[in-house]
Amino acid sequence: MQGSTFEAVVDVANEGTNEATQDIEFYWDQDDDDGDADQTEEVTLEGGEKTQVTFEVDIDRDQDIGDTFDYYVTSEDDSDGGSVEVVDFESARYSASASSIRKRLR
């Protein structure tokens, strides 16, 4: 059964001085735990450049209010994560424990 979708917005910065390309990988524990990233976005940035990457995440409608799901985002140089709690399907509200995730490209 279809549920709701939320966006996970990731801040990505190249803190080096040269152009760099890396895969930004998003992992979401609601899906099967096969070890593969649920979504991947290749990002190329010049030295000192910043951007945002948005991952759209579906939450199944058969989940209960109060259910919590872990997520994490990785690059070659950094990783971060948090959790999302289902608050209310009708208004598509979710509570996240991390407001943004910053990735470093070197």
PDB file of N, CA and C in Angstrom:
ATOM      1  N   MET A   1       0.845  -1.171   0.000  1.00  0.00           N
ATOM      2  CA  MET A   1       0.000   0.000   0.000  1.00  0.00           C
ATOM      3  C   MET A   1       0.896   1.243   0.000  1.00  0.00           C
ATOM      4  N   GLN A   2       0.584   2.202  -0.842  1.00  0.00           N
ATOM      5  CA  GLN A   2       1.374   3.425  -0.939  1.00  0.00           C
ATOM      6  C   GLN A   2       1.201   4.270   0.307  1.00  0.00           C
ATOM      7  N   GLY A   3       2.271   4.844   0.785  1.00  0.00           N
ATOM      8  CA  GLY A   3       2.237   5.695   1.964  1.00  0.00           C
ATOM      9  C   GLY A   3       2.492   7.129   1.595  1.00  0.00           C
ATOM     10  N   SER A   4       3.525   7.687   2.160  1.00  0.00           N
ATOM     11  CA  SER A   4       3.901   9.069   1.919  1.00  0.00           C
ATOM     12  C   SER A   4       5.356   9.120   1.505  1.00  0.00           C
ATOM     13  N   THR A   5       5.736  10.241   0.963  1.00  0.00           N
ATOM     14  CA  THR A   5       7.106  10.460   0.523  1.00  0.00           C
ATOM     15  C   THR A   5       7.666  11.662   1.267  1.00  0.00           C
ATOM     16  N   PHE A   6       8.921  11.557   1.673  1.00  0.00           N
ATOM     17  CA  PHE A   6       9.593  12.735   2.201  1.00  0.00           C
ATOM     18  C   PHE A   6      10.923  12.874   1.487  1.00  0.00           C
ATOM     19  N   GLU A   7      11.498  14.053   1.562  1.00  0.00           N
ATOM     20  CA  GLU A   7      12.776  14.329   0.923  1.00  0.00           C
ATOM     21  C   GLU A   7      13.877  14.407   1.961  1.00  0.00           C
ATOM     22  N   ALA A   8      14.956  13.702   1.711  1.00  0.00           N
ATOM     23  CA  ALA A   8      16.161  13.814   2.518  1.00  0.00           C
ATOM     24  C   ALA A   8      17.122  14.695   1.722  1.00  0.00           C
ATOM     25  N   VAL A   9      17.402  15.882   2.218  1.00  0.00           N
ATOM     26  CA  VAL A   9      18.264  16.838   1.538  1.00  0.00           C
ATOM     27  C   VAL A   9      19.647  16.779   2.177  1.00  0.00           C
ATOM     28  N   VAL A  10      20.657  16.535   1.350  1.00  0.00           N
ATOM     29  CA  VAL A  10      22.020  16.354   1.822  1.00  0.00           C
ATOM     30  C   VAL A  10      22.887  17.501   1.303  1.00  0.00           C
ATOM     31  N   ASP A  11      23.584  18.196   2.210  1.00  0.00           N
ATOM     32  CA  ASP A  11      24.550  19.216   1.819  1.00  0.00           C
ATOM     33  C   ASP A  11      25.854  18.519   1.469  1.00  0.00           C
ATOM     34  N   VAL A  12      26.389  18.833   0.282  1.00  0.00           N
ATOM     35  CA  VAL A  12      27.635  18.231  -0.179  1.00  0.00           C
ATOM     36  C   VAL A  12      28.616  19.358  -0.482  1.00  0.00           C
ATOM     37  N   ALA A  13      29.843  19.244   0.033  1.00  0.00           N
ATOM     38  CA  ALA A  13      30.858  20.278  -0.176  1.00  0.00           C
ATOM     39  C   ALA A  13      32.177  19.629  -0.557  1.00  0.00           C
ATOM     40  N   ASN A  14      32.863  20.221  -1.521  1.00  0.00           N
ATOM     41  CA  ASN A  14      34.217  19.810  -1.855  1.00  0.00           C
ATOM     42  C   ASN A  14      35.150  20.722  -1.077  1.00  0.00           C
ATOM     43  N   GLU A  15      35.744  20.192  -0.017  1.00  0.00           N
ATOM     44  CA  GLU A  15      36.621  20.987   0.830  1.00  0.00           C
ATOM     45  C   GLU A  15      38.057  21.000   0.334  1.00  0.00           C
ATOM     46  N   GLY A  16      38.300  20.323  -0.774  1.00  0.00           N
ATOM     47  CA  GLY A  16      39.626  20.322  -1.375  1.00  0.00           C
ATOM     48  C   GLY A  16      39.787  21.482  -2.339  1.00  0.00           C
ATOM     49  N   THR A  17      40.896  21.482  -3.067  1.00  0.00           N
ATOM     50  CA  THR A  17      41.165  22.561  -4.012  1.00  0.00           C
ATOM     51  C   THR A  17      40.988  22.118  -5.461  1.00  0.00           C
ATOM     52  N   ASN A  18      40.889  20.829  -5.718  1.00  0.00           N
ATOM     53  CA  ASN A  18      40.732  20.302  -7.072  1.00  0.00           C
ATOM     54  C   ASN A  18      39.323  19.775  -7.286  1.00  0.00           C
ATOM     55  N   GLU A  19      38.919  19.711  -8.556  1.00  0.00           N
ATOM     56  CA  GLU A  19      37.628  19.100  -8.890  1.00  0.00           C
ATOM     57  C   GLU A  19      37.617  17.643  -8.429  1.00  0.00           C
ATOM     58  N   ALA A  20      36.468  17.197  -7.935  1.00  0.00           N
ATOM     59  CA  ALA A  20      36.344  15.812  -7.467  1.00  0.00           C
ATOM     60  C   ALA A  20      34.952  15.291  -7.799  1.00  0.00           C
ATOM     61  N   THR A  21      34.879  13.997  -8.099  1.00  0.00           N
ATOM     62  CA  THR A  21      33.616  13.315  -8.357  1.00  0.00           C
ATOM     63  C   THR A  21      33.497  12.149  -7.391  1.00  0.00           C
ATOM     64  N   GLN A  22      32.357  12.055  -6.725  1.00  0.00           N
ATOM     65  CA  GLN A  22      32.102  10.938  -5.810  1.00  0.00           C
ATOM     66  C   GLN A  22      30.634  10.561  -5.876  1.00  0.00           C
ATOM     67  N   ASP A  23      30.362   9.305  -5.512  1.00  0.00           N
ATOM     68  CA  ASP A  23      28.989   8.851  -5.367  1.00  0.00           C
ATOM     69  C   ASP A  23      28.520   9.183  -3.959  1.00  0.00           C
ATOM     70  N   ILE A  24      27.351   9.802  -3.863  1.00  0.00           N
ATOM     71  CA  ILE A  24      26.694  10.036  -2.586  1.00  0.00           C
ATOM     72  C   ILE A  24      25.627   8.948  -2.483  1.00  0.00           C
ATOM     73  N   GLU A  25      25.754   8.091  -1.467  1.00  0.00           N
ATOM     74  CA  GLU A  25      24.875   6.936  -1.343  1.00  0.00           C
ATOM     75  C   GLU A  25      23.936   7.105  -0.151  1.00  0.00           C
ATOM     76  N   PHE A  26      22.666   6.792  -0.380  1.00  0.00           N
ATOM     77  CA  PHE A  26      21.632   6.905   0.643  1.00  0.00           C
ATOM     78  C   PHE A  26      21.139   5.506   0.997  1.00  0.00           C
ATOM     79  N   TYR A  27      21.154   5.185   2.294  1.00  0.00           N
ATOM     80  CA  TYR A  27      20.694   3.891   2.802  1.00  0.00           C
ATOM     81  C   TYR A  27      19.497   4.128   3.720  1.00  0.00           C
ATOM     82  N   TRP A  28      18.476   3.288   3.591  1.00  0.00           N
ATOM     83  CA  TRP A  28      17.220   3.450   4.308  1.00  0.00           C
ATOM     84  C   TRP A  28      16.793   2.102   4.841  1.00  0.00           C
ATOM     85  N   ASP A  29      16.601   1.968   6.153  1.00  0.00           N
ATOM     86  CA  ASP A  29      16.384   0.637   6.732  1.00  0.00           C
ATOM     87  C   ASP A  29      14.988   0.065   6.550  1.00  0.00           C
ATOM     88  N   GLN A  30      14.064   0.815   5.953  1.00  0.00           N
ATOM     89  CA  GLN A  30      12.731   0.265   5.703  1.00  0.00           C
ATOM     90  C   GLN A  30      12.790  -0.778   4.590  1.00  0.00           C
ATOM     91  N   ASP A  31      13.735  -0.621   3.670  1.00  0.00           N
ATOM     92  CA  ASP A  31      13.891  -1.549   2.556  1.00  0.00           C
ATOM     93  C   ASP A  31      14.652  -2.784   3.014  1.00  0.00           C
ATOM     94  N   ASP A  32      14.803  -3.740   2.098  1.00  0.00           N
ATOM     95  CA  ASP A  32      15.573  -4.932   2.451  1.00  0.00           C
ATOM     96  C   ASP A  32      16.995  -4.535   2.800  1.00  0.00           C
ATOM     97  N   ASP A  33      17.594  -5.284   3.675  1.00  0.00           N
ATOM     98  CA  ASP A  33      18.931  -4.958   4.173  1.00  0.00           C
ATOM     99  C   ASP A  33      19.962  -5.797   3.430  1.00  0.00           C
ATOM    100  N   ASP A  34      20.121  -5.519   2.120  1.00  0.00           N
ATOM    101  CA  ASP A  34      21.058  -6.297   1.314  1.00  0.00           C
ATOM    102  C   ASP A  34      22.445  -5.679   1.263  1.00  0.00           C
ATOM    103  N   GLY A  35      22.631  -4.550   1.947  1.00  0.00           N
ATOM    104  CA  GLY A  35      23.938  -3.895   1.975  1.00  0.00           C
ATOM    105  C   GLY A  35      24.180  -2.940   0.827  1.00  0.00           C
ATOM    106  N   ASP A  36      23.290  -2.934  -0.166  1.00  0.00           N
ATOM    107  CA  ASP A  36      23.433  -2.022  -1.294  1.00  0.00           C
ATOM    108  C   ASP A  36      22.716  -0.712  -0.991  1.00  0.00           C
ATOM    109  N   ALA A  37      23.253   0.377  -1.529  1.00  0.00           N
ATOM    110  CA  ALA A  37      22.615   1.678  -1.345  1.00  0.00           C
ATOM    111  C   ALA A  37      21.229   1.654  -1.979  1.00  0.00           C
ATOM    112  N   ASP A  38      20.270   2.299  -1.315  1.00  0.00           N
ATOM    113  CA  ASP A  38      18.922   2.392  -1.859  1.00  0.00           C
ATOM    114  C   ASP A  38      18.861   3.404  -3.002  1.00  0.00           C
ATOM    115  N   GLN A  39      19.681   4.451  -2.912  1.00  0.00           N
ATOM    116  CA  GLN A  39      19.769   5.461  -3.968  1.00  0.00           C
ATOM    117  C   GLN A  39      21.197   5.977  -4.016  1.00  0.00           C
ATOM    118  N   THR A  40      21.652   6.305  -5.219  1.00  0.00           N
ATOM    119  CA  THR A  40      23.001   6.838  -5.400  1.00  0.00           C
ATOM    120  C   THR A  40      22.938   8.009  -6.373  1.00  0.00           C
ATOM    121  N   GLU A  41      23.672   9.058  -6.052  1.00  0.00           N
ATOM    122  CA  GLU A  41      23.771  10.224  -6.924  1.00  0.00           C
ATOM    123  C   GLU A  41      25.245  10.561  -7.108  1.00  0.00           C
ATOM    124  N   GLU A  42      25.714  10.611  -8.359  1.00  0.00           N
ATOM    125  CA  GLU A  42      27.093  10.998  -8.629  1.00  0.00           C
ATOM    126  C   GLU A  42      27.183  12.524  -8.636  1.00  0.00           C
ATOM    127  N   VAL A  43      28.141  13.058  -7.888  1.00  0.00           N
ATOM    128  CA  VAL A  43      28.293  14.502  -7.742  1.00  0.00           C
ATOM    129  C   VAL A  43      29.718  14.891  -8.126  1.00  0.00           C
ATOM    130  N   THR A  44      29.838  15.900  -8.985  1.00  0.00           N
ATOM    131  CA  THR A  44      31.134  16.475  -9.356  1.00  0.00           C
ATOM    132  C   THR A  44      31.133  17.935  -8.931  1.00  0.00           C
ATOM    133  N   LEU A  45      32.144  18.316  -8.148  1.00  0.00           N
ATOM    134  CA  LEU A  45      32.259  19.689  -7.668  1.00  0.00           C
ATOM    135  C   LEU A  45      33.674  20.206  -7.862  1.00  0.00           C
ATOM    136  N   GLU A  46      33.787  21.478  -8.190  1.00  0.00           N
ATOM    137  CA  GLU A  46      35.073  22.156  -8.218  1.00  0.00           C
ATOM    138  C   GLU A  46      35.543  22.345  -6.772  1.00  0.00           C
ATOM    139  N   GLY A  47      36.828  22.583  -6.589  1.00  0.00           N
ATOM    140  CA  GLY A  47      37.351  22.844  -5.256  1.00  0.00           C
ATOM    141  C   GLY A  47      36.620  23.996  -4.598  1.00  0.00           C
ATOM    142  N   GLY A  48      36.164  23.807  -3.364  1.00  0.00           N
ATOM    143  CA  GLY A  48      35.454  24.839  -2.624  1.00  0.00           C
ATOM    144  C   GLY A  48      33.978  24.963  -2.959  1.00  0.00           C
ATOM    145  N   GLU A  49      33.494  24.238  -3.957  1.00  0.00           N
ATOM    146  CA  GLU A  49      32.100  24.338  -4.372  1.00  0.00           C
ATOM    147  C   GLU A  49      31.195  23.500  -3.457  1.00  0.00           C
ATOM    148  N   LYS A  50      29.919  23.934  -3.333  1.00  0.00           N
ATOM    149  CA  LYS A  50      28.920  23.238  -2.531  1.00  0.00           C
ATOM    150  C   LYS A  50      27.665  23.022  -3.360  1.00  0.00           C
ATOM    151  N   THR A  51      26.891  21.997  -2.987  1.00  0.00           N
ATOM    152  CA  THR A  51      25.596  21.752  -3.617  1.00  0.00           C
ATOM    153  C   THR A  51      24.728  20.959  -2.661  1.00  0.00           C
ATOM    154  N   GLN A  52      23.496  20.723  -3.041  1.00  0.00           N
ATOM    155  CA  GLN A  52      22.603  19.863  -2.280  1.00  0.00           C
ATOM    156  C   GLN A  52      22.131  18.724  -3.171  1.00  0.00           C
ATOM    157  N   VAL A  53      21.989  17.555  -2.566  1.00  0.00           N
ATOM    158  CA  VAL A  53      21.459  16.379  -3.249  1.00  0.00           C
ATOM    159  C   VAL A  53      20.185  15.994  -2.508  1.00  0.00           C
ATOM    160  N   THR A  54      19.115  15.740  -3.261  1.00  0.00           N
ATOM    161  CA  THR A  54      17.840  15.383  -2.654  1.00  0.00           C
ATOM    162  C   THR A  54      17.487  13.948  -3.007  1.00  0.00           C
ATOM    163  N   PHE A  55      17.178  13.173  -1.984  1.00  0.00           N
ATOM    164  CA  PHE A  55      16.716  11.796  -2.154  1.00  0.00           C
ATOM    165  C   PHE A  55      15.251  11.746  -1.734  1.00  0.00           C
ATOM    166  N   GLU A  56      14.379  11.210  -2.605  1.00  0.00           N
ATOM    167  CA  GLU A  56      12.972  11.032  -2.256  1.00  0.00           C
ATOM    168  C   GLU A  56      12.796   9.645  -1.654  1.00  0.00           C
ATOM    169  N   VAL A  57      12.140   9.589  -0.495  1.00  0.00           N
ATOM    170  CA  VAL A  57      12.007   8.350   0.256  1.00  0.00           C
ATOM    171  C   VAL A  57      10.531   8.054   0.468  1.00  0.00           C
ATOM    172  N   ASP A  58      10.107   6.841   0.090  1.00  0.00           N
ATOM    173  CA  ASP A  58       8.729   6.413   0.312  1.00  0.00           C
ATOM    174  C   ASP A  58       8.624   5.669   1.634  1.00  0.00           C
ATOM    175  N   ILE A  59       7.583   5.986   2.391  1.00  0.00           N
ATOM    176  CA  ILE A  59       7.276   5.243   3.611  1.00  0.00           C
ATOM    177  C   ILE A  59       5.962   4.515   3.372  1.00  0.00           C
ATOM    178  N   ASP A  60       5.963   3.204   3.573  1.00  0.00           N
ATOM    179  CA  ASP A  60       4.775   2.395   3.353  1.00  0.00           C
ATOM    180  C   ASP A  60       3.660   2.806   4.295  1.00  0.00           C
ATOM    181  N   ARG A  61       2.450   2.808   3.766  1.00  0.00           N
ATOM    182  CA  ARG A  61       1.274   3.207   4.546  1.00  0.00           C
ATOM    183  C   ARG A  61       0.980   2.206   5.677  1.00  0.00           C
ATOM    184  N   ASP A  62       1.468   0.972   5.552  1.00  0.00           N
ATOM    185  CA  ASP A  62       1.176  -0.018   6.591  1.00  0.00           C
ATOM    186  C   ASP A  62       2.073   0.123   7.825  1.00  0.00           C
ATOM    187  N   GLN A  63       2.920   1.144   7.837  1.00  0.00           N
ATOM    188  CA  GLN A  63       3.732   1.418   9.027  1.00  0.00           C
ATOM    189  C   GLN A  63       2.861   2.099  10.077  1.00  0.00           C
ATOM    190  N   ASP A  64       3.243   1.943  11.311  1.00  0.00           N
ATOM    191  CA  ASP A  64       2.471   2.527  12.407  1.00  0.00           C
ATOM    192  C   ASP A  64       3.014   3.899  12.782  1.00  0.00           C
ATOM    193  N   ILE A  65       2.103   4.763  13.247  1.00  0.00           N
ATOM    194  CA  ILE A  65       2.525   6.037  13.805  1.00  0.00           C
ATOM    195  C   ILE A  65       3.481   5.720  14.956  1.00  0.00           C
ATOM    196  N   GLY A  66       4.604   6.395  15.010  1.00  0.00           N
ATOM    197  CA  GLY A  66       5.610   6.149  16.043  1.00  0.00           C
ATOM    198  C   GLY A  66       6.737   5.234  15.583  1.00  0.00           C
ATOM    199  N   ASP A  67       6.537   4.530  14.438  1.00  0.00           N
ATOM    200  CA  ASP A  67       7.632   3.709  13.919  1.00  0.00           C
ATOM    201  C   ASP A  67       8.818   4.606  13.587  1.00  0.00           C
ATOM    202  N   THR A  68      10.011   4.103  13.826  1.00  0.00           N
ATOM    203  CA  THR A  68      11.230   4.851  13.571  1.00  0.00           C
ATOM    204  C   THR A  68      12.112   4.067  12.610  1.00  0.00           C
ATOM    205  N   PHE A  69      12.698   4.775  11.641  1.00  0.00           N
ATOM    206  CA  PHE A  69      13.565   4.165  10.649  1.00  0.00           C
ATOM    207  C   PHE A  69      14.897   4.889  10.622  1.00  0.00           C
ATOM    208  N   ASP A  70      15.969   4.130  10.550  1.00  0.00           N
ATOM    209  CA  ASP A  70      17.298   4.719  10.466  1.00  0.00           C
ATOM    210  C   ASP A  70      17.680   4.938   9.014  1.00  0.00           C
ATOM    211  N   TYR A  71      18.485   5.956   8.786  1.00  0.00           N
ATOM    212  CA  TYR A  71      19.035   6.216   7.462  1.00  0.00           C
ATOM    213  C   TYR A  71      20.478   6.643   7.625  1.00  0.00           C
ATOM    214  N   TYR A  72      21.242   6.490   6.572  1.00  0.00           N
ATOM    215  CA  TYR A  72      22.570   7.082   6.558  1.00  0.00           C
ATOM    216  C   TYR A  72      22.985   7.381   5.137  1.00  0.00           C
ATOM    217  N   VAL A  73      23.897   8.321   5.015  1.00  0.00           N
ATOM    218  CA  VAL A  73      24.405   8.793   3.740  1.00  0.00           C
ATOM    219  C   VAL A  73      25.919   8.699   3.791  1.00  0.00           C
ATOM    220  N   THR A  74      26.520   8.219   2.700  1.00  0.00           N
ATOM    221  CA  THR A  74      27.966   8.085   2.670  1.00  0.00           C
ATOM    222  C   THR A  74      28.546   8.684   1.390  1.00  0.00           C
ATOM    223  N   SER A  75      29.793   9.111   1.488  1.00  0.00           N
ATOM    224  CA  SER A  75      30.636   9.427   0.337  1.00  0.00           C
ATOM    225  C   SER A  75      31.941   8.681   0.596  1.00  0.00           C
ATOM    226  N   GLU A  76      32.910   8.850  -0.271  1.00  0.00           N
ATOM    227  CA  GLU A  76      34.198   8.186  -0.039  1.00  0.00           C
ATOM    228  C   GLU A  76      34.891   8.707   1.216  1.00  0.00           C
ATOM    229  N   ASP A  77      34.605   9.962   1.598  1.00  0.00           N
ATOM    230  CA  ASP A  77      35.337  10.624   2.675  1.00  0.00           C
ATOM    231  C   ASP A  77      34.550  10.845   3.950  1.00  0.00           C
ATOM    232  N   ASP A  78      33.247  10.589   3.937  1.00  0.00           N
ATOM    233  CA  ASP A  78      32.444  10.971   5.089  1.00  0.00           C
ATOM    234  C   ASP A  78      31.169  10.142   5.139  1.00  0.00           C
ATOM    235  N   SER A  79      30.536  10.125   6.295  1.00  0.00           N
ATOM    236  CA  SER A  79      29.229   9.483   6.430  1.00  0.00           C
ATOM    237  C   SER A  79      28.494  10.128   7.590  1.00  0.00           C
ATOM    238  N   ASP A  80      27.179  10.034   7.557  1.00  0.00           N
ATOM    239  CA  ASP A  80      26.357  10.575   8.616  1.00  0.00           C
ATOM    240  C   ASP A  80      24.997   9.904   8.518  1.00  0.00           C
ATOM    241  N   GLY A  81      24.200  10.040   9.540  1.00  0.00           N
ATOM    242  CA  GLY A  81      22.890   9.424   9.516  1.00  0.00           C
ATOM    243  C   GLY A  81      22.030   9.904  10.645  1.00  0.00           C
ATOM    244  N   GLY A  82      20.891   9.289  10.759  1.00  0.00           N
ATOM    245  CA  GLY A  82      19.954   9.654  11.805  1.00  0.00           C
ATOM    246  C   GLY A  82      18.752   8.745  11.745  1.00  0.00           C
ATOM    247  N   SER A  83      17.628   9.237  12.236  1.00  0.00           N
ATOM    248  CA  SER A  83      16.408   8.450  12.209  1.00  0.00           C
ATOM    249  C   SER A  83      15.231   9.339  11.864  1.00  0.00           C
ATOM    250  N   VAL A  84      14.184   8.707  11.351  1.00  0.00           N
ATOM    251  CA  VAL A  84      12.947   9.391  11.000  1.00  0.00           C
ATOM    252  C   VAL A  84      11.819   8.674  11.718  1.00  0.00           C
ATOM    253  N   GLU A  85      10.938   9.426  12.351  1.00  0.00           N
ATOM    254  CA  GLU A  85       9.783   8.855  13.028  1.00  0.00           C
ATOM    255  C   GLU A  85       8.523   9.210  12.253  1.00  0.00           C
ATOM    256  N   VAL A  86       7.658   8.226  12.043  1.00  0.00           N
ATOM    257  CA  VAL A  86       6.368   8.468  11.410  1.00  0.00           C
ATOM    258  C   VAL A  86       5.483   9.154  12.443  1.00  0.00           C
ATOM    259  N   VAL A  87       5.061  10.388  12.147  1.00  0.00           N
ATOM    260  CA  VAL A  87       4.262  11.165  13.087  1.00  0.00           C
ATOM    261  C   VAL A  87       2.796  11.137  12.685  1.00  0.00           C
ATOM    262  N   ASP A  88       2.511  11.358  11.384  1.00  0.00           N
ATOM    263  CA  ASP A  88       1.127  11.446  10.933  1.00  0.00           C
ATOM    264  C   ASP A  88       1.098  11.265   9.427  1.00  0.00           C
ATOM    265  N   PHE A  89       0.409  10.215   8.952  1.00  0.00           N
ATOM    266  CA  PHE A  89       0.327   9.991   7.510  1.00  0.00           C
ATOM    267  C   PHE A  89      -0.598  10.994   6.828  1.00  0.00           C
ATOM    268  N   GLU A  90      -1.687  11.372   7.464  1.00  0.00           N
ATOM    269  CA  GLU A  90      -2.670  12.235   6.820  1.00  0.00           C
ATOM    270  C   GLU A  90      -2.080  13.577   6.420  1.00  0.00           C
ATOM    271  N   SER A  91      -1.230  14.138   7.250  1.00  0.00           N
ATOM    272  CA  SER A  91      -0.614  15.421   6.904  1.00  0.00           C
ATOM    273  C   SER A  91       0.812  15.230   6.415  1.00  0.00           C
ATOM    274  N   ALA A  92       1.207  13.945   6.222  1.00  0.00           N
ATOM    275  CA  ALA A  92       2.546  13.612   5.713  1.00  0.00           C
ATOM    276  C   ALA A  92       3.636  14.278   6.544  1.00  0.00           C
ATOM    277  N   ARG A  93       3.528  14.143   7.866  1.00  0.00           N
ATOM    278  CA  ARG A  93       4.518  14.739   8.747  1.00  0.00           C
ATOM    279  C   ARG A  93       5.450  13.666   9.284  1.00  0.00           C
ATOM    280  N   TYR A  94       6.724  14.013   9.319  1.00  0.00           N
ATOM    281  CA  TYR A  94       7.741  13.122   9.852  1.00  0.00           C
ATOM    282  C   TYR A  94       8.663  13.936  10.732  1.00  0.00           C
ATOM    283  N   SER A  95       9.243  13.287  11.686  1.00  0.00           N
ATOM    284  CA  SER A  95      10.191  13.932  12.572  1.00  0.00           C
ATOM    285  C   SER A  95      11.558  13.316  12.324  1.00  0.00           C
ATOM    286  N   ALA A  96      12.531  14.132  11.995  1.00  0.00           N
ATOM    287  CA  ALA A  96      13.881  13.626  11.722  1.00  0.00           C
ATOM    288  C   ALA A  96      14.820  14.069  12.822  1.00  0.00           C
ATOM    289  N   SER A  97      15.781  13.197  13.145  1.00  0.00           N
ATOM    290  CA  SER A  97      16.706  13.532  14.218  1.00  0.00           C
ATOM    291  C   SER A  97      17.903  14.337  13.724  1.00  0.00           C
ATOM    292  N   ALA A  98      18.048  14.469  12.421  1.00  0.00           N
ATOM    293  CA  ALA A  98      19.139  15.282  11.872  1.00  0.00           C
ATOM    294  C   ALA A  98      18.546  16.214  10.822  1.00  0.00           C
ATOM    295  N   SER A  99      18.837  17.491  10.909  1.00  0.00           N
ATOM    296  CA  SER A  99      18.238  18.451   9.976  1.00  0.00           C
ATOM    297  C   SER A  99      18.969  18.505   8.650  1.00  0.00           C
ATOM    298  N   SER A 100      20.238  18.216   8.647  1.00  0.00           N
ATOM    299  CA  SER A 100      20.975  18.163   7.385  1.00  0.00           C
ATOM    300  C   SER A 100      22.189  17.273   7.575  1.00  0.00           C
ATOM    301  N   ILE A 101      22.667  16.779   6.474  1.00  0.00           N
ATOM    302  CA  ILE A 101      23.833  15.907   6.487  1.00  0.00           C
ATOM    303  C   ILE A 101      24.866  16.531   5.565  1.00  0.00           C
ATOM    304  N   ARG A 102      26.060  16.745   6.054  1.00  0.00           N
ATOM    305  CA  ARG A 102      27.094  17.371   5.241  1.00  0.00           C
ATOM    306  C   ARG A 102      28.108  16.322   4.819  1.00  0.00           C
ATOM    307  N   LYS A 103      28.392  16.289   3.561  1.00  0.00           N
ATOM    308  CA  LYS A 103      29.357  15.347   2.993  1.00  0.00           C
ATOM    309  C   LYS A 103      30.571  16.132   2.504  1.00  0.00           C
ATOM    310  N   ARG A 104      31.716  15.570   2.640  1.00  0.00           N
ATOM    311  CA  ARG A 104      32.940  16.218   2.160  1.00  0.00           C
ATOM    312  C   ARG A 104      33.500  15.437   0.980  1.00  0.00           C
ATOM    313  N   LEU A 105      33.841  16.153  -0.046  1.00  0.00           N
ATOM    314  CA  LEU A 105      34.559  15.576  -1.179  1.00  0.00           C
ATOM    315  C   LEU A 105      35.980  16.096  -1.122  1.00  0.00           C
ATOM    316  N   ARG A 106      36.953  15.221  -1.328  1.00  0.00           N
ATOM    317  CA  ARG A 106      38.352  15.671  -1.318  1.00  0.00           C
ATOM    318  C   ARG A 106      39.029  15.224  -2.582  1.00  0.00           C
TER     319      ARG A 106
END
